[in-house]
Amino acid sequence: MSAIKEALAAMKEVLLLTERVEQTGKILSEVVSELRNHEKRLIRLETFIEIGKMKLRALKG
């Protein structure tokens, strides 16, 4: 009987771990999505800065 209980406990633990891994995967996907959005925003800001610098040089030169 104890072997069956141990096997069931092990299976339960595997199912719980699988669920946690899936949840972690979803969270990671959300984090990656947010990072990509931030990257796009940073690129836009850098572009605005570069355009501003070019305009300043054109006015000075």
Protein backbone atom coordinates (compact mmCIF):
# COMPACT_ATOMS: atom_id res chain seq x y z
CA MET A 1 0.00 0.00 0.00
CA SER A 2 2.75 2.42 0.86
CA ALA A 3 4.28 2.10 -2.62
CA ILE A 4 0.94 3.10 -4.17
CA LYS A 5 0.66 6.09 -1.84
CA GLU A 6 4.18 7.15 -2.70
CA ALA A 7 3.47 6.82 -6.41
CA LEU A 8 0.28 8.89 -6.11
CA ALA A 9 2.10 11.53 -4.06
CA ALA A 10 4.85 11.68 -6.68
CA MET A 11 2.29 12.03 -9.51
CA LYS A 12 0.51 14.79 -7.60
CA GLU A 13 3.80 16.61 -7.14
CA VAL A 14 4.61 16.27 -10.83
CA LEU A 15 1.22 17.74 -11.74
CA LEU A 16 1.74 20.66 -9.37
CA LEU A 17 5.21 21.31 -10.76
CA THR A 18 3.86 21.15 -14.30
CA GLU A 19 1.21 23.72 -13.44
CA ARG A 20 3.80 26.01 -11.86
CA VAL A 21 6.05 25.73 -14.90
CA GLU A 22 3.13 26.62 -17.18
CA GLN A 23 2.26 29.63 -15.00
CA THR A 24 5.88 30.74 -15.01
CA GLY A 25 5.97 30.40 -18.80
CA LYS A 26 2.92 32.65 -19.13
CA ILE A 27 4.43 35.24 -16.83
CA LEU A 28 7.69 35.12 -18.78
CA SER A 29 5.79 35.67 -22.03
CA GLU A 30 4.14 38.75 -20.53
CA VAL A 31 7.49 40.09 -19.34
CA VAL A 32 9.02 39.57 -22.78
CA SER A 33 6.10 41.41 -24.36
CA GLU A 34 6.53 44.34 -21.97
CA LEU A 35 10.26 44.46 -22.65
CA ARG A 36 9.65 44.58 -26.39
CA ASN A 37 7.19 47.44 -25.91
CA HIS A 38 9.74 49.32 -23.80
CA GLU A 39 12.41 48.71 -26.42
CA LYS A 40 10.18 50.18 -29.13
CA ARG A 41 9.46 53.23 -26.99
CA LEU A 42 13.17 53.73 -26.28
CA ILE A 43 13.95 53.54 -29.97
CA ARG A 44 11.34 56.23 -30.67
CA LEU A 45 12.81 58.44 -27.95
CA GLU A 46 16.32 57.96 -29.31
CA THR A 47 15.06 58.86 -32.77
CA PHE A 48 13.46 62.07 -31.47
CA ILE A 49 16.73 62.99 -29.73
CA GLU A 50 18.76 62.35 -32.87
CA ILE A 51 16.36 64.41 -34.98
CA GLY A 52 16.57 67.22 -32.42
CA LYS A 53 20.38 67.10 -32.52
CA MET A 54 20.37 67.24 -36.33
CA LYS A 55 18.04 70.24 -36.29
CA LEU A 56 20.27 72.03 -33.79
CA ARG A 57 23.34 71.39 -35.96
CA ALA A 58 21.47 72.66 -39.02
CA LEU A 59 20.49 75.86 -37.20
CA LYS A 60 24.04 76.43 -35.95
CA GLY A 61 25.71 75.55 -39.21
